[in-house]
């Protein structure tokens, strides 16, 4: 009988690539001498060093001895200088996290810059700092030393935003070197003009989330206007609404001819402004609006220019995206894979009934409501339409209740996911892995849930409350727990 230790080294290398985490690698290394020799190098592929006494990481001498095995490095806290004088010939990812600075900001800036200058192969840089820091040498080292930087991620930083500060100017010069920037922090672009003298043609993907409340955002939009080769732009403000007029003006000038992924947070934009933007951007593959006055003008442009190419459409909290708009989207977007909207009325679904074109749909998140006088025909049509979406992996028909005049939550009736209402038509959804129907007033029975678990063998996420009967709910809860289902999210559709 042959054993795993008899496998050739090429096969063991493939197996090693599937070891999921450091604990798994460590257990494998301790199995036998062969595994120790073949897999121990994987323990050094991702290294974290911290000032935390519970998980400090390797000492500088050991880290230097194994530096040739390190691909990703995370330094948390202000470490002794010996850690920053190490060269890692295969290093591609550098993560620098600061929660408190024990020594001066200048010393930290110097240490980080030395580390960058010794490691030209770094492509991905992440800076996480919740303490005010001033970085001049670090940003300058990125510009001068990195061969092919790809991604810059910044979160929590309290960087200087005065136009005359050298660290701000150095930051903007560094931004021009990357293909992708993920930024979350003070709104540098809105409150400084340090970006105006730099070239951002290298930048292709930008995620910008401001966390403060600057007086205006014209500077922010002007900076985005200089990023003329963007293919992805995700824009969000935590403490204010996004103004869109300046952005609409730039869209009319074909400022972003390559853009295909555009996602907006809460905006003060009007239906007309959104219509202008959608009417002048190139055909989008991904469109998301968190909130705003999306109306018929914007929808006309979305339909005429973007329907043929859309793969993601997410407007789960945009109440002005009507049931008719949602159904027209499902009926005319053949490439659609992710769709999120507020609600669809089964009355609109049947007047007139049209087959849905979105046969590639993987995620459907929308609340379906049914009037009390619609009867079985509407539910039959509803399940027939769903049964054709054979690629579905994630269904979320949860309801977000509306508030009435007395500030009480108002719940609308929903179709029942039961066998005696047409559930059996959904045996075609064999890929389904997540089913959520929170607050949708379901009254399922044990046989309904048992049928789902049999016909949806990949199901791993299931709503907690699906029955009005307490005993039935108890039995259902026991059943889904025994199956290994949970009530949390399985997927993250960005």
Protein backbone atom coordinates (compact mmCIF):
# COMPACT_ATOMS: atom_id res chain seq x y z
CA UNK A 1 0.00 0.00 0.00
CA UNK A 2 1.30 3.42 -0.97
CA UNK A 3 1.15 6.36 1.44
CA UNK A 4 1.07 10.11 1.03
CA UNK A 5 4.77 10.18 1.91
CA UNK A 6 5.42 8.24 -1.31
CA UNK A 7 4.11 11.08 -3.47
CA UNK A 8 6.61 12.95 -5.65
CA UNK A 9 7.68 16.44 -4.59
CA UNK A 10 5.71 18.06 -7.44
CA UNK A 11 2.45 16.65 -6.05
CA UNK A 12 3.35 17.67 -2.49
CA UNK A 13 3.92 21.21 -3.74
CA UNK A 14 0.40 21.28 -5.16
CA UNK A 15 -1.00 19.94 -1.87
CA UNK A 16 0.86 22.61 0.06
CA UNK A 17 -0.83 25.35 -1.98
CA UNK A 18 -4.21 24.18 -0.61
CA UNK A 19 -3.30 24.31 3.08
CA UNK A 20 -5.79 26.94 4.30
CA UNK A 21 -4.03 28.70 7.19
CA UNK A 22 -0.90 28.91 9.31
CA UNK A 23 -2.27 26.49 11.92
CA UNK A 24 -2.88 23.86 9.22
CA UNK A 25 0.63 24.32 7.87
CA UNK A 26 2.11 24.07 11.36
CA UNK A 27 0.22 20.83 12.08
CA UNK A 28 1.34 19.37 8.75
CA UNK A 29 4.99 20.24 9.39
CA UNK A 30 4.88 18.35 12.70
CA UNK A 31 3.52 15.18 11.07
CA UNK A 32 6.81 13.72 9.85
CA UNK A 33 10.33 14.59 8.74
CA UNK A 34 9.40 14.63 5.04
CA UNK A 35 6.55 17.08 5.61
CA UNK A 36 8.78 19.24 7.79
CA UNK A 37 11.32 19.48 4.99
CA UNK A 38 8.74 20.08 2.28
CA UNK A 39 6.23 22.42 3.93
CA UNK A 40 8.14 24.36 6.60
CA UNK A 41 9.00 27.13 4.14
CA UNK A 42 5.26 27.92 3.89
CA UNK A 43 5.32 29.11 7.50
CA UNK A 44 7.44 32.03 6.34
CA UNK A 45 5.43 32.99 3.28
CA UNK A 46 3.25 35.40 5.31
CA UNK A 47 4.90 36.89 8.41
CA UNK A 48 3.35 39.14 11.06
CA UNK A 49 5.44 40.92 13.66
CA UNK A 50 3.75 42.80 16.48
CA UNK A 51 4.44 44.62 19.72
CA UNK A 52 1.63 42.51 21.17
CA UNK A 53 3.12 40.18 23.80
CA UNK A 54 0.63 37.42 22.98
CA UNK A 55 1.70 37.11 19.32
CA UNK A 56 5.00 38.93 18.79
CA UNK A 57 6.22 37.03 15.75
CA UNK A 58 9.85 36.07 14.96
CA UNK A 59 12.82 37.98 16.30
CA UNK A 60 14.95 40.06 13.86
CA UNK A 61 17.74 37.47 13.61
CA UNK A 62 15.39 34.62 12.71
CA UNK A 63 13.41 36.81 10.31
CA UNK A 64 16.58 37.87 8.51
CA UNK A 65 17.70 34.26 8.17
CA UNK A 66 14.40 33.34 6.47
CA UNK A 67 13.90 36.60 4.56
CA UNK A 68 14.20 34.85 1.19
CA UNK A 69 10.98 32.91 1.95
CA UNK A 70 8.81 35.91 2.87
CA UNK A 71 6.21 37.14 0.35
CA UNK A 72 3.94 39.20 2.61
CA UNK A 73 5.02 41.15 5.68
CA UNK A 74 2.93 42.83 8.37
CA UNK A 75 4.51 45.12 10.97
CA UNK A 76 2.17 46.22 13.76
CA UNK A 77 3.35 48.87 16.19
CA UNK A 78 6.68 50.65 16.36
CA UNK A 79 9.25 47.84 16.33
CA UNK A 80 12.97 47.95 17.08
CA UNK A 81 15.05 49.38 14.25
CA UNK A 82 16.60 45.98 13.44
CA UNK A 83 13.34 44.90 11.82
CA UNK A 84 13.45 47.72 9.28
CA UNK A 85 16.99 46.94 8.06
CA UNK A 86 16.09 43.59 6.49
CA UNK A 87 15.92 42.98 2.74
CA UNK A 88 13.28 40.50 1.52
CA UNK A 89 14.07 39.49 -2.08
CA UNK A 90 10.59 38.07 -2.79
CA UNK A 91 8.47 40.53 -0.84
CA UNK A 92 5.35 41.71 -2.71
CA UNK A 93 2.96 42.84 0.07
CA UNK A 94 3.83 45.25 2.87
CA UNK A 95 1.35 46.07 5.67
CA UNK A 96 2.24 48.76 8.21
CA UNK A 97 -0.18 49.22 11.14
CA UNK A 98 0.17 51.83 13.87
CA UNK A 99 -2.25 52.18 16.79
CA UNK A 100 0.03 54.29 18.97
CA UNK A 101 3.47 55.80 18.51
CA UNK A 102 5.93 55.41 21.36
CA UNK A 103 8.70 57.37 19.67
CA UNK A 104 8.62 60.33 17.34
CA UNK A 105 6.73 60.45 14.07
CA UNK A 106 9.98 61.37 12.31
CA UNK A 107 11.65 58.18 13.54
CA UNK A 108 8.76 56.11 12.26
CA UNK A 109 8.91 57.88 8.89
CA UNK A 110 12.63 57.13 8.65
CA UNK A 111 12.23 53.45 9.58
CA UNK A 112 9.44 52.88 7.07
CA UNK A 113 11.36 54.62 4.29
CA UNK A 114 14.44 52.45 4.93
CA UNK A 115 12.28 49.31 4.72
CA UNK A 116 10.83 50.44 1.38
CA UNK A 117 14.21 51.35 -0.09
CA UNK A 118 15.56 47.89 0.78
CA UNK A 119 12.62 46.09 -0.86
CA UNK A 120 12.10 47.21 -4.45
CA UNK A 121 9.83 44.27 -5.30
CA UNK A 122 6.91 45.45 -3.12
CA UNK A 123 3.74 45.89 -5.17
CA UNK A 124 1.00 46.18 -2.56
CA UNK A 125 1.31 48.69 0.31
CA UNK A 126 -1.17 49.02 3.19
CA UNK A 127 -1.00 51.74 5.85
CA UNK A 128 -3.35 51.59 8.84
CA UNK A 129 -2.87 54.31 11.46
CA UNK A 130 -5.22 55.86 13.98
CA UNK A 131 -2.56 58.19 15.37
CA UNK A 132 -1.58 61.45 13.63
CA UNK A 133 1.57 60.80 11.60
CA UNK A 134 3.64 62.85 9.22
CA UNK A 135 5.18 60.83 6.39
CA UNK A 136 7.52 62.51 3.92
CA UNK A 137 10.45 60.12 3.47
CA UNK A 138 8.14 57.10 3.31
CA UNK A 139 6.04 58.44 0.42
CA UNK A 140 9.20 59.68 -1.34
CA UNK A 141 10.81 56.25 -0.97
CA UNK A 142 7.78 54.67 -2.67
CA UNK A 143 8.17 57.03 -5.64
CA UNK A 144 11.91 56.48 -5.98
CA UNK A 145 12.38 52.83 -5.01
CA UNK A 146 9.47 50.56 -5.99
CA UNK A 147 9.80 48.95 -9.41
CA UNK A 148 6.14 48.30 -10.21
CA UNK A 149 3.76 49.36 -7.41
CA UNK A 150 0.22 48.10 -7.90
CA UNK A 151 -2.08 48.73 -4.91
CA UNK A 152 -2.08 51.33 -2.12
CA UNK A 153 -4.50 50.83 0.77
CA UNK A 154 -4.89 53.53 3.42
CA UNK A 155 -7.31 53.38 6.35
CA UNK A 156 -7.70 55.43 9.48
CA UNK A 157 -4.83 57.78 8.75
CA UNK A 158 -4.88 61.31 10.04
CA UNK A 159 -2.63 62.78 7.36
CA UNK A 160 -1.91 66.47 7.04
CA UNK A 161 -4.15 68.22 4.49
CA UNK A 162 -2.54 71.68 4.31
CA UNK A 163 -1.41 72.46 0.79
CA UNK A 164 2.00 73.73 1.88
CA UNK A 165 2.91 70.66 3.96
CA UNK A 166 5.59 68.48 2.41
CA UNK A 167 3.98 65.24 3.60
CA UNK A 168 0.76 66.07 1.72
CA UNK A 169 2.67 66.79 -1.49
CA UNK A 170 4.70 63.61 -1.07
CA UNK A 171 1.48 61.63 -0.54
CA UNK A 172 -0.03 62.88 -3.81
CA UNK A 173 3.17 62.10 -5.72
CA UNK A 174 3.03 58.54 -4.37
CA UNK A 175 -0.62 58.18 -5.41
CA UNK A 176 0.40 58.74 -9.01
CA UNK A 177 2.56 55.60 -8.96
CA UNK A 178 -0.16 53.02 -8.27
CA UNK A 179 -2.72 51.27 -10.43
CA UNK A 180 -5.19 50.96 -7.54
CA UNK A 181 -5.89 53.11 -4.48
CA UNK A 182 -8.21 52.13 -1.62
CA UNK A 183 -8.54 55.15 0.65
CA UNK A 184 -10.54 55.62 3.84
CA UNK A 185 -9.84 58.62 6.02
CA UNK A 186 -9.87 62.41 6.12
CA UNK A 187 -10.95 63.92 2.84
CA UNK A 188 -7.59 65.01 1.48
CA UNK A 189 -8.85 65.66 -2.02
CA UNK A 190 -11.63 67.95 -0.81
CA UNK A 191 -9.51 70.14 1.43
CA UNK A 192 -6.11 70.39 -0.27
CA UNK A 193 -4.81 71.24 -3.72
CA UNK A 194 -1.60 69.26 -3.44
CA UNK A 195 -2.68 66.92 -6.21
CA UNK A 196 -2.77 69.43 -9.05
CA UNK A 197 0.84 69.06 -10.27
CA UNK A 198 0.92 65.26 -10.53
CA UNK A 199 0.12 62.74 -13.25
CA UNK A 200 -2.49 60.09 -12.38
CA UNK A 201 -2.76 58.36 -15.75
CA UNK A 202 -1.38 55.20 -14.12
CA UNK A 203 -4.38 54.96 -11.77
CA UNK A 204 -7.08 52.53 -12.94
CA UNK A 205 -9.05 51.59 -9.81
CA UNK A 206 -10.05 54.04 -7.08
CA UNK A 207 -12.08 53.44 -3.93
CA UNK A 208 -12.44 56.68 -2.01
CA UNK A 209 -14.30 56.89 1.29
CA UNK A 210 -14.08 60.10 3.31
CA UNK A 211 -14.81 59.99 7.02
CA UNK A 212 -14.88 63.68 7.95
CA UNK A 213 -17.12 66.63 7.10
CA UNK A 214 -15.20 69.06 4.86
CA UNK A 215 -16.91 72.30 3.81
CA UNK A 216 -16.98 71.42 0.12
CA UNK A 217 -15.87 68.71 -2.28
CA UNK A 218 -15.01 70.52 -5.51
CA UNK A 219 -11.34 69.73 -4.98
CA UNK A 220 -12.20 66.07 -4.61
CA UNK A 221 -14.04 65.96 -7.91
CA UNK A 222 -11.26 67.93 -9.62
CA UNK A 223 -8.76 65.30 -8.50
CA UNK A 224 -10.98 62.48 -9.78
CA UNK A 225 -11.16 64.39 -13.05
CA UNK A 226 -7.38 64.06 -13.38
CA UNK A 227 -7.66 60.26 -13.11
CA UNK A 228 -8.59 59.91 -16.77
CA UNK A 229 -7.89 56.16 -17.14
CA UNK A 230 -10.14 54.89 -14.38
CA UNK A 231 -11.89 51.61 -15.03
CA UNK A 232 -13.32 51.37 -11.51
CA UNK A 233 -14.50 54.18 -9.23
CA UNK A 234 -16.27 53.67 -5.90
CA UNK A 235 -17.12 56.86 -4.09
CA UNK A 236 -18.57 57.18 -0.60
CA UNK A 237 -18.84 59.80 2.15
CA UNK A 238 -19.78 58.86 5.69
CA UNK A 239 -20.86 62.24 7.06
CA UNK A 240 -22.36 64.06 4.10
CA UNK A 241 -24.02 63.58 0.74
CA UNK A 242 -21.95 63.38 -2.42
CA UNK A 243 -22.49 66.44 -4.68
CA UNK A 244 -22.76 65.43 -8.32
CA UNK A 245 -23.05 68.59 -10.43
CA UNK A 246 -19.30 69.01 -10.98
CA UNK A 247 -19.01 65.29 -11.65
CA UNK A 248 -21.83 65.54 -14.21
CA UNK A 249 -20.00 68.39 -15.94
CA UNK A 250 -16.85 66.30 -16.25
CA UNK A 251 -18.81 63.26 -17.46
CA UNK A 252 -20.13 65.34 -20.37
CA UNK A 253 -16.52 66.00 -21.38
CA UNK A 254 -15.84 62.22 -21.69
CA UNK A 255 -13.38 62.45 -18.81
CA UNK A 256 -13.48 58.71 -18.03
CA UNK A 257 -13.68 56.87 -21.38
CA UNK A 258 -12.61 53.51 -19.87
CA UNK A 259 -14.88 53.45 -16.82
CA UNK A 260 -16.88 50.23 -16.42
CA UNK A 261 -17.44 49.99 -12.65
CA UNK A 262 -19.10 53.00 -10.96
CA UNK A 263 -20.53 52.79 -7.44
CA UNK A 264 -21.90 55.70 -5.45
CA UNK A 265 -22.76 56.13 -1.79
CA UNK A 266 -25.37 58.55 -0.48
CA UNK A 267 -25.71 61.43 -2.90
CA UNK A 268 -27.53 64.74 -3.15
CA UNK A 269 -27.71 64.31 -6.92
CA UNK A 270 -30.99 64.84 -8.74
CA UNK A 271 -32.62 62.58 -11.28
CA UNK A 272 -31.43 64.94 -14.02
CA UNK A 273 -27.82 64.89 -12.80
CA UNK A 274 -27.79 61.11 -12.55
CA UNK A 275 -29.30 60.97 -16.03
CA UNK A 276 -26.54 63.18 -17.43
CA UNK A 277 -23.86 61.03 -15.80
CA UNK A 278 -25.32 57.73 -17.02
CA UNK A 279 -25.92 59.27 -20.44
CA UNK A 280 -22.27 60.25 -20.95
CA UNK A 281 -20.32 57.48 -19.24
CA UNK A 282 -19.26 54.52 -21.40
CA UNK A 283 -21.38 51.35 -21.08
CA UNK A 284 -20.99 50.13 -17.50
CA UNK A 285 -20.62 46.58 -16.24
CA UNK A 286 -21.24 47.50 -12.60
CA UNK A 287 -23.55 50.21 -11.26
CA UNK A 288 -24.46 50.82 -7.62
CA UNK A 289 -26.32 53.67 -5.94
CA UNK A 290 -26.74 53.64 -2.16
CA UNK A 291 -29.32 56.43 -2.09
CA UNK A 292 -30.38 59.33 -4.27
CA UNK A 293 -33.12 60.74 -6.47
CA UNK A 294 -32.95 58.08 -9.15
CA UNK A 295 -35.95 58.67 -11.42
CA UNK A 296 -37.25 58.16 -14.95
CA UNK A 297 -34.57 60.31 -16.63
CA UNK A 298 -31.74 58.34 -15.05
CA UNK A 299 -33.48 55.03 -15.74
CA UNK A 300 -33.96 55.89 -19.43
CA UNK A 301 -30.22 56.43 -19.76
CA UNK A 302 -29.46 53.27 -17.81
CA UNK A 303 -31.74 51.28 -20.11
CA UNK A 304 -30.58 52.76 -23.41
CA UNK A 305 -26.83 52.79 -22.75
CA UNK A 306 -26.01 50.12 -20.18
CA UNK A 307 -28.53 47.26 -20.18
CA UNK A 308 -26.63 45.14 -22.70
CA UNK A 309 -23.44 45.13 -20.63
CA UNK A 310 -24.56 45.30 -16.99
CA UNK A 311 -23.47 42.39 -14.81
CA UNK A 312 -24.05 44.09 -11.42
CA UNK A 313 -26.92 46.41 -10.53
CA UNK A 314 -27.28 47.26 -6.85
CA UNK A 315 -29.86 49.77 -5.58
CA UNK A 316 -31.26 48.04 -2.49
CA UNK A 317 -32.26 51.22 -0.64
CA UNK A 318 -33.24 53.49 -3.52
CA UNK A 319 -37.00 53.80 -3.07
CA UNK A 320 -37.42 55.70 -6.36
CA UNK A 321 -36.16 52.64 -8.27
CA UNK A 322 -39.68 51.34 -8.81
CA UNK A 323 -41.08 47.86 -9.19
CA UNK A 324 -41.60 48.48 -12.94
CA UNK A 325 -37.96 49.55 -13.31
CA UNK A 326 -36.76 46.46 -11.48
CA UNK A 327 -38.82 44.11 -13.65
CA UNK A 328 -37.68 45.80 -16.84
CA UNK A 329 -34.09 45.35 -15.71
CA UNK A 330 -34.59 41.63 -15.08
CA UNK A 331 -36.34 41.26 -18.44
CA UNK A 332 -33.72 43.07 -20.57
CA UNK A 333 -30.28 42.52 -19.00
CA UNK A 334 -28.91 39.22 -20.36
CA UNK A 335 -25.48 39.62 -18.70
CA UNK A 336 -26.81 40.40 -15.22
CA UNK A 337 -25.25 38.35 -12.40
CA UNK A 338 -26.01 40.41 -9.27
CA UNK A 339 -29.26 42.32 -8.78
CA UNK A 340 -30.41 44.18 -5.65
CA UNK A 341 -33.48 46.41 -5.41
CA UNK A 342 -36.05 47.52 -2.84
CA UNK A 343 -39.21 45.73 -3.89
CA UNK A 344 -41.16 44.14 -6.72
CA UNK A 345 -44.92 43.83 -6.72
CA UNK A 346 -46.30 40.54 -8.01
CA UNK A 347 -49.12 42.59 -9.51
CA UNK A 348 -46.55 44.29 -11.77
CA UNK A 349 -44.99 40.91 -12.50
CA UNK A 350 -48.20 39.67 -14.10
CA UNK A 351 -49.07 42.80 -16.13
CA UNK A 352 -48.02 41.68 -18.69
CA UNK A 353 -45.86 38.66 -17.80
CA UNK A 354 -42.51 38.70 -19.59
CA UNK A 355 -39.72 36.11 -19.28
CA UNK A 356 -36.63 37.30 -17.47
CA UNK A 357 -33.51 37.54 -19.61
CA UNK A 358 -31.07 37.40 -16.69
CA UNK A 359 -30.35 33.67 -16.92
CA UNK A 360 -26.80 34.23 -15.56
CA UNK A 361 -28.06 35.71 -12.29
CA UNK A 362 -26.13 34.48 -9.22
CA UNK A 363 -27.53 36.80 -6.56
CA UNK A 364 -31.07 38.13 -6.31
CA UNK A 365 -31.87 40.45 -3.40
CA UNK A 366 -35.30 42.08 -3.56
CA UNK A 367 -38.47 41.96 -1.50
CA UNK A 368 -41.44 40.58 -3.42
CA UNK A 369 -44.85 41.70 -2.18
CA UNK A 370 -48.25 40.27 -3.03
CA UNK A 371 -51.68 41.81 -2.66
CA UNK A 372 -54.28 39.84 -0.74
CA UNK A 373 -56.58 39.62 -3.80
CA UNK A 374 -53.98 38.28 -6.26
CA UNK A 375 -54.34 34.62 -5.31
CA UNK A 376 -52.49 31.57 -6.58
CA UNK A 377 -51.84 32.79 -10.13
CA UNK A 378 -49.41 35.48 -9.03
CA UNK A 379 -47.42 33.08 -6.85
CA UNK A 380 -47.35 30.48 -9.63
CA UNK A 381 -45.90 33.03 -12.05
CA UNK A 382 -43.42 34.19 -9.41
CA UNK A 383 -42.02 30.68 -8.87
CA UNK A 384 -42.00 30.01 -12.64
CA UNK A 385 -39.81 33.06 -13.22
CA UNK A 386 -37.42 32.06 -10.44
CA UNK A 387 -37.19 28.47 -11.65
CA UNK A 388 -35.52 29.62 -14.88
CA UNK A 389 -32.61 31.25 -13.00
CA UNK A 390 -30.64 28.03 -12.73
CA UNK A 391 -27.34 29.77 -11.90
CA UNK A 392 -28.69 31.33 -8.69
CA UNK A 393 -26.47 30.91 -5.65
CA UNK A 394 -27.91 33.51 -3.31
CA UNK A 395 -31.55 34.57 -2.80
CA UNK A 396 -32.50 37.29 -0.34
CA UNK A 397 -36.19 38.22 -0.27
CA UNK A 398 -36.02 39.93 3.12
CA UNK A 399 -38.23 42.92 3.82
CA UNK A 400 -37.10 46.29 5.14
CA UNK A 401 -40.27 47.52 6.84
CA UNK A 402 -41.57 51.01 6.11
CA UNK A 403 -42.64 53.46 8.80
CA UNK A 404 -46.23 54.60 9.04
CA UNK A 405 -47.59 57.95 10.23
CA UNK A 406 -47.45 56.72 13.83
CA UNK A 407 -43.79 55.66 13.37
CA UNK A 408 -44.61 52.00 13.62
CA UNK A 409 -43.15 49.48 11.22
CA UNK A 410 -45.45 48.43 8.39
CA UNK A 411 -44.94 44.92 6.98
CA UNK A 412 -46.34 44.03 3.56
CA UNK A 413 -47.57 40.53 2.69
CA UNK A 414 -45.16 38.33 0.75
CA UNK A 415 -45.48 35.12 -1.30
CA UNK A 416 -45.12 32.03 0.86
CA UNK A 417 -42.17 29.72 0.19
CA UNK A 418 -44.20 26.56 0.68
CA UNK A 419 -44.86 23.44 -1.38
CA UNK A 420 -48.58 24.10 -1.48
CA UNK A 421 -47.86 27.58 -2.94
CA UNK A 422 -45.52 26.43 -5.74
CA UNK A 423 -42.13 25.97 -4.07
CA UNK A 424 -41.62 22.61 -5.81
CA UNK A 425 -41.00 24.45 -9.10
CA UNK A 426 -37.63 25.56 -7.72
CA UNK A 427 -35.99 22.13 -7.89
CA UNK A 428 -33.94 23.62 -10.76
CA UNK A 429 -31.99 25.82 -8.32
CA UNK A 430 -29.47 23.14 -7.41
CA UNK A 431 -26.64 25.70 -7.05
CA UNK A 432 -28.38 27.64 -4.31
CA UNK A 433 -26.16 28.19 -1.26
CA UNK A 434 -27.95 30.98 0.62
CA UNK A 435 -31.62 31.70 1.28
CA UNK A 436 -32.72 34.70 3.37
CA UNK A 437 -36.30 35.80 3.99
CA UNK A 438 -35.99 37.92 7.13
CA UNK A 439 -39.12 39.85 8.18
CA UNK A 440 -40.98 38.48 5.14
CA UNK A 441 -43.74 36.96 7.32
CA UNK A 442 -43.16 33.35 6.28
CA UNK A 443 -45.10 30.42 7.72
CA UNK A 444 -43.14 27.39 6.55
CA UNK A 445 -43.66 23.83 7.70
CA UNK A 446 -41.12 21.10 8.33
CA UNK A 447 -41.83 19.45 4.97
CA UNK A 448 -41.07 22.72 3.14
CA UNK A 449 -37.66 23.08 4.76
CA UNK A 450 -36.89 19.37 4.33
CA UNK A 451 -37.68 19.72 0.62
CA UNK A 452 -35.29 22.70 0.34
CA UNK A 453 -32.46 20.81 2.05
CA UNK A 454 -32.93 17.85 -0.30
CA UNK A 455 -33.22 19.79 -3.55
CA UNK A 456 -30.69 22.51 -2.69
CA UNK A 457 -27.80 20.29 -1.54
CA UNK A 458 -25.28 23.18 -1.39
CA UNK A 459 -27.42 25.29 0.96
CA UNK A 460 -25.35 26.66 3.85
CA UNK A 461 -27.13 29.87 4.90
CA UNK A 462 -30.78 29.88 5.96
CA UNK A 463 -32.96 32.48 7.68
CA UNK A 464 -33.44 32.03 11.39
CA UNK A 465 -37.20 32.67 11.63
CA UNK A 466 -39.37 31.15 8.89
CA UNK A 467 -42.48 29.95 10.72
CA UNK A 468 -45.20 31.60 12.81
CA UNK A 469 -45.75 28.38 14.75
CA UNK A 470 -43.32 28.17 17.69
CA UNK A 471 -43.07 24.39 17.72
CA UNK A 472 -42.56 24.21 13.97
CA UNK A 473 -39.90 26.91 14.24
CA UNK A 474 -38.11 24.96 16.96
CA UNK A 475 -38.02 21.81 14.84
CA UNK A 476 -36.89 23.76 11.78
CA UNK A 477 -34.10 25.43 13.74
CA UNK A 478 -32.87 22.05 14.95
CA UNK A 479 -33.00 20.68 11.42
CA UNK A 480 -31.00 23.47 9.78
CA UNK A 481 -28.42 23.41 12.57
CA UNK A 482 -27.96 19.66 12.12
CA UNK A 483 -27.48 20.30 8.43
CA UNK A 484 -24.68 22.77 9.22
CA UNK A 485 -26.53 25.85 7.98
CA UNK A 486 -26.03 29.20 9.68
CA UNK A 487 -27.84 32.53 9.60
CA UNK A 488 -24.90 34.76 8.62
CA UNK A 489 -23.87 35.96 5.15
CA UNK A 490 -22.04 33.52 2.91
CA UNK A 491 -21.02 35.83 0.09
CA UNK A 492 -19.66 39.33 -0.20
CA UNK A 493 -20.70 40.93 -3.47
CA UNK A 494 -18.72 44.17 -3.61
